[in-house]
Amino acid sequence: MSVTLKLRSEALAQLDAATIAAHAHAQAQPGVVTVRTRMRHRDLLARALVGLRAQVTDDGTSVVAAWEGRRITFGYGPEGVQVAHVDGPGLVPAEAARLVLSVDEAYAAEVQRAVLARLKDRAAQAGMRVESERVNADQSISVTLAATS
């Protein structure tokens, strides 16, 4: 079976007042999955998929991940990933949504790592150093910077 899911960014969805009212029902809409990110960076998406042990290919217009009898094709538009086509034997829409959301979670973690690395690089260039770094219960990272001079 095969399922095509339209992906919409949670942040963009919240800009629309009508969507806010329907947000609690968003996951129940057939064929629509609300994701936290727009998965704009193909390299971060590929890293996230590899981290989920997928075999990844990128043909320039879509990124394809295959593993465990499932395949997800992420179709890109100007704002990032817009459609995820999931297929595999015995696939049901709820499983397709769970797979896409697991990729979204892994992608968000890759973005967090990239932002932290960039912060550390820029801090050093600005004459600062990381004084402390802590991973919080919600997986956010708190960083304290101190001036080096």
C-alpha atoms as a PDB file:
ATOM      1  CA  MET A   1       0.000   0.000   0.000  1.00  0.00           C
ATOM      2  CA  SER A   2       1.030   3.580  -0.485  1.00  0.00           C
ATOM      3  CA  VAL A   3       0.123   6.801   1.330  1.00  0.00           C
ATOM      4  CA  THR A   4       0.880  10.382   0.290  1.00  0.00           C
ATOM      5  CA  LEU A   5       0.916  12.917   3.122  1.00  0.00           C
ATOM      6  CA  LYS A   6       0.931  16.678   2.772  1.00  0.00           C
ATOM      7  CA  LEU A   7       3.341  18.178   5.294  1.00  0.00           C
ATOM      8  CA  ARG A   8       2.700  21.522   6.883  1.00  0.00           C
ATOM      9  CA  SER A   9       4.948  23.382   9.233  1.00  0.00           C
ATOM     10  CA  GLU A  10       3.522  23.795  12.718  1.00  0.00           C
ATOM     11  CA  ALA A  11       4.852  27.370  12.853  1.00  0.00           C
ATOM     12  CA  LEU A  12       3.259  28.300   9.539  1.00  0.00           C
ATOM     13  CA  ALA A  13       0.021  26.545  10.418  1.00  0.00           C
ATOM     14  CA  GLN A  14      -0.272  28.649  13.560  1.00  0.00           C
ATOM     15  CA  LEU A  15      -0.146  31.859  11.524  1.00  0.00           C
ATOM     16  CA  ASP A  16      -3.565  31.037  10.118  1.00  0.00           C
ATOM     17  CA  ALA A  17      -6.326  31.739  12.664  1.00  0.00           C
ATOM     18  CA  ALA A  18      -8.616  29.127  11.131  1.00  0.00           C
ATOM     19  CA  THR A  19      -5.860  26.557  11.430  1.00  0.00           C
ATOM     20  CA  ILE A  20      -5.335  27.430  15.088  1.00  0.00           C
ATOM     21  CA  ALA A  21      -8.967  26.645  15.796  1.00  0.00           C
ATOM     22  CA  ALA A  22      -8.647  23.328  13.987  1.00  0.00           C
ATOM     23  CA  HIS A  23      -5.150  22.521  15.277  1.00  0.00           C
ATOM     24  CA  ALA A  24      -6.364  19.936  17.765  1.00  0.00           C
ATOM     25  CA  HIS A  25      -7.927  18.042  14.859  1.00  0.00           C
ATOM     26  CA  ALA A  26      -5.002  18.518  12.460  1.00  0.00           C
ATOM     27  CA  GLN A  27      -3.506  15.084  12.983  1.00  0.00           C
ATOM     28  CA  ALA A  28      -6.912  13.516  12.407  1.00  0.00           C
ATOM     29  CA  GLN A  29      -7.229  15.056   8.918  1.00  0.00           C
ATOM     30  CA  PRO A  30      -6.614  12.324   6.360  1.00  0.00           C
ATOM     31  CA  GLY A  31      -3.470  12.941   4.355  1.00  0.00           C
ATOM     32  CA  VAL A  32      -2.169  15.869   6.455  1.00  0.00           C
ATOM     33  CA  VAL A  33       0.672  15.665   8.980  1.00  0.00           C
ATOM     34  CA  THR A  34       1.774  18.682  11.011  1.00  0.00           C
ATOM     35  CA  VAL A  35       5.556  18.715  11.383  1.00  0.00           C
ATOM     36  CA  ARG A  36       7.741  20.972  13.535  1.00  0.00           C
ATOM     37  CA  THR A  37      10.138  21.883  10.742  1.00  0.00           C
ATOM     38  CA  ARG A  38      10.038  22.530   7.022  1.00  0.00           C
ATOM     39  CA  MET A  39      13.039  20.242   6.456  1.00  0.00           C
ATOM     40  CA  ARG A  40      14.596  22.797   4.087  1.00  0.00           C
ATOM     41  CA  HIS A  41      18.166  21.530   4.370  1.00  0.00           C
ATOM     42  CA  ARG A  42      18.599  18.370   2.366  1.00  0.00           C
ATOM     43  CA  ASP A  43      21.931  17.556   4.022  1.00  0.00           C
ATOM     44  CA  LEU A  44      20.368  17.680   7.497  1.00  0.00           C
ATOM     45  CA  LEU A  45      17.444  15.578   6.283  1.00  0.00           C
ATOM     46  CA  ALA A  46      19.870  13.016   4.864  1.00  0.00           C
ATOM     47  CA  ARG A  47      21.797  12.923   8.173  1.00  0.00           C
ATOM     48  CA  ALA A  48      18.562  12.483  10.109  1.00  0.00           C
ATOM     49  CA  LEU A  49      17.517   9.623   7.839  1.00  0.00           C
ATOM     50  CA  VAL A  50      20.913   7.934   8.088  1.00  0.00           C
ATOM     51  CA  GLY A  51      20.609   8.285  11.870  1.00  0.00           C
ATOM     52  CA  LEU A  52      17.331   6.374  11.572  1.00  0.00           C
ATOM     53  CA  ARG A  53      19.276   3.694   9.649  1.00  0.00           C
ATOM     54  CA  ALA A  54      17.695   4.423   6.279  1.00  0.00           C
ATOM     55  CA  GLN A  55      19.369   4.043   2.917  1.00  0.00           C
ATOM     56  CA  VAL A  56      19.198   7.541   1.437  1.00  0.00           C
ATOM     57  CA  THR A  57      19.273   8.834  -2.130  1.00  0.00           C
ATOM     58  CA  ASP A  58      18.816  12.388  -3.399  1.00  0.00           C
ATOM     59  CA  ASP A  59      18.050  12.999  -7.072  1.00  0.00           C
ATOM     60  CA  GLY A  60      17.927  16.798  -6.770  1.00  0.00           C
ATOM     61  CA  THR A  61      14.135  17.039  -6.673  1.00  0.00           C
ATOM     62  CA  SER A  62      13.373  14.543  -3.914  1.00  0.00           C
ATOM     63  CA  VAL A  63      15.049  12.672  -1.089  1.00  0.00           C
ATOM     64  CA  VAL A  64      14.226   8.974  -0.790  1.00  0.00           C
ATOM     65  CA  ALA A  65      14.712   6.921   2.376  1.00  0.00           C
ATOM     66  CA  ALA A  66      14.310   3.148   2.407  1.00  0.00           C
ATOM     67  CA  TRP A  67      14.392   0.743   5.332  1.00  0.00           C
ATOM     68  CA  GLU A  68      12.523  -2.152   6.911  1.00  0.00           C
ATOM     69  CA  GLY A  69      10.171  -2.673   3.952  1.00  0.00           C
ATOM     70  CA  ARG A  70       9.194   1.001   3.906  1.00  0.00           C
ATOM     71  CA  ARG A  71      10.142   3.814   1.588  1.00  0.00           C
ATOM     72  CA  ILE A  72       9.518   7.538   2.032  1.00  0.00           C
ATOM     73  CA  THR A  73       9.961   9.971  -0.832  1.00  0.00           C
ATOM     74  CA  PHE A  74      10.201  13.580   0.337  1.00  0.00           C
ATOM     75  CA  GLY A  75       9.148  15.982  -2.426  1.00  0.00           C
ATOM     76  CA  TYR A  76      10.566  19.498  -2.232  1.00  0.00           C
ATOM     77  CA  GLY A  77       9.033  22.865  -3.031  1.00  0.00           C
ATOM     78  CA  PRO A  78      10.303  26.418  -2.516  1.00  0.00           C
ATOM     79  CA  GLU A  79       9.623  26.321   1.256  1.00  0.00           C
ATOM     80  CA  GLY A  80      11.181  22.941   1.974  1.00  0.00           C
ATOM     81  CA  VAL A  81       9.585  19.512   2.134  1.00  0.00           C
ATOM     82  CA  GLN A  82       5.949  19.689   1.127  1.00  0.00           C
ATOM     83  CA  VAL A  83       4.926  16.085   0.459  1.00  0.00           C
ATOM     84  CA  ALA A  84       5.990  12.734   1.866  1.00  0.00           C
ATOM     85  CA  HIS A  85       4.995   9.656  -0.098  1.00  0.00           C
ATOM     86  CA  VAL A  86       5.269   6.531   2.062  1.00  0.00           C
ATOM     87  CA  ASP A  87       4.899   3.049   0.677  1.00  0.00           C
ATOM     88  CA  GLY A  88       5.410  -0.553   1.673  1.00  0.00           C
ATOM     89  CA  PRO A  89       3.471  -3.781   2.112  1.00  0.00           C
ATOM     90  CA  GLY A  90       0.608  -3.576   4.594  1.00  0.00           C
ATOM     91  CA  LEU A  91       1.167   0.133   5.262  1.00  0.00           C
ATOM     92  CA  VAL A  92      -1.670   1.998   6.960  1.00  0.00           C
ATOM     93  CA  PRO A  93      -2.031   5.808   7.111  1.00  0.00           C
ATOM     94  CA  ALA A  94      -1.377   5.956  10.881  1.00  0.00           C
ATOM     95  CA  GLU A  95       1.946   4.150  10.446  1.00  0.00           C
ATOM     96  CA  ALA A  96       2.882   6.471   7.564  1.00  0.00           C
ATOM     97  CA  ALA A  97       2.198   9.485   9.788  1.00  0.00           C
ATOM     98  CA  ARG A  98       4.298   7.973  12.618  1.00  0.00           C
ATOM     99  CA  LEU A  99       7.211   7.378  10.236  1.00  0.00           C
ATOM    100  CA  VAL A 100       7.100  10.955   8.952  1.00  0.00           C
ATOM    101  CA  LEU A 101       6.894  12.336  12.491  1.00  0.00           C
ATOM    102  CA  SER A 102       9.911  10.232  13.544  1.00  0.00           C
ATOM    103  CA  VAL A 103      11.869  11.749  10.642  1.00  0.00           C
ATOM    104  CA  ASP A 104      10.704  15.220  11.673  1.00  0.00           C
ATOM    105  CA  GLU A 105      11.961  14.585  15.213  1.00  0.00           C
ATOM    106  CA  ALA A 106      15.333  13.331  13.950  1.00  0.00           C
ATOM    107  CA  TYR A 107      15.593  16.324  11.590  1.00  0.00           C
ATOM    108  CA  ALA A 108      14.868  18.745  14.445  1.00  0.00           C
ATOM    109  CA  ALA A 109      17.694  17.134  16.453  1.00  0.00           C
ATOM    110  CA  GLU A 110      20.073  17.583  13.486  1.00  0.00           C
ATOM    111  CA  VAL A 111      19.076  21.252  13.238  1.00  0.00           C
ATOM    112  CA  GLN A 112      19.714  21.658  16.969  1.00  0.00           C
ATOM    113  CA  ARG A 113      23.206  20.120  16.606  1.00  0.00           C
ATOM    114  CA  ALA A 114      24.009  22.362  13.637  1.00  0.00           C
ATOM    115  CA  VAL A 115      22.834  25.504  15.446  1.00  0.00           C
ATOM    116  CA  LEU A 116      24.861  24.589  18.548  1.00  0.00           C
ATOM    117  CA  ALA A 117      28.001  24.022  16.448  1.00  0.00           C
ATOM    118  CA  ARG A 118      27.461  27.376  14.694  1.00  0.00           C
ATOM    119  CA  LEU A 119      26.920  29.104  18.063  1.00  0.00           C
ATOM    120  CA  LYS A 120      30.183  27.695  19.400  1.00  0.00           C
ATOM    121  CA  ASP A 121      32.090  28.765  16.276  1.00  0.00           C
ATOM    122  CA  ARG A 122      30.665  32.270  16.361  1.00  0.00           C
ATOM    123  CA  ALA A 123      31.241  32.594  20.101  1.00  0.00           C
ATOM    124  CA  ALA A 124      34.933  31.845  19.618  1.00  0.00           C
ATOM    125  CA  GLN A 125      35.129  34.384  16.794  1.00  0.00           C
ATOM    126  CA  ALA A 126      33.473  36.970  19.069  1.00  0.00           C
ATOM    127  CA  GLY A 127      35.966  36.415  21.895  1.00  0.00           C
ATOM    128  CA  MET A 128      33.695  34.206  23.984  1.00  0.00           C
ATOM    129  CA  ARG A 129      33.834  30.654  25.222  1.00  0.00           C
ATOM    130  CA  VAL A 130      31.265  28.124  26.319  1.00  0.00           C
ATOM    131  CA  GLU A 131      31.250  28.180  30.103  1.00  0.00           C
ATOM    132  CA  SER A 132      28.587  25.502  30.499  1.00  0.00           C
ATOM    133  CA  GLU A 133      26.296  23.395  28.387  1.00  0.00           C
ATOM    134  CA  ARG A 134      23.313  21.410  29.661  1.00  0.00           C
ATOM    135  CA  VAL A 135      20.745  19.175  27.966  1.00  0.00           C
ATOM    136  CA  ASN A 136      17.368  19.794  29.594  1.00  0.00           C
ATOM    137  CA  ALA A 137      14.577  17.279  30.202  1.00  0.00           C
ATOM    138  CA  ASP A 138      12.766  18.480  27.069  1.00  0.00           C
ATOM    139  CA  GLN A 139      15.973  17.891  25.043  1.00  0.00           C
ATOM    140  CA  SER A 140      16.590  21.618  24.624  1.00  0.00           C
ATOM    141  CA  ILE A 141      20.150  22.742  25.276  1.00  0.00           C
ATOM    142  CA  SER A 142      21.094  25.587  27.617  1.00  0.00           C
ATOM    143  CA  VAL A 143      24.450  27.190  26.900  1.00  0.00           C
ATOM    144  CA  THR A 144      26.215  29.799  29.031  1.00  0.00           C
ATOM    145  CA  LEU A 145      28.844  31.893  27.271  1.00  0.00           C
ATOM    146  CA  ALA A 146      31.562  33.927  28.956  1.00  0.00           C
ATOM    147  CA  ALA A 147      33.881  36.576  27.591  1.00  0.00           C
ATOM    148  CA  THR A 148      37.468  35.348  27.240  1.00  0.00           C
ATOM    149  CA  SER A 149      39.089  38.721  27.921  1.00  0.00           C
END
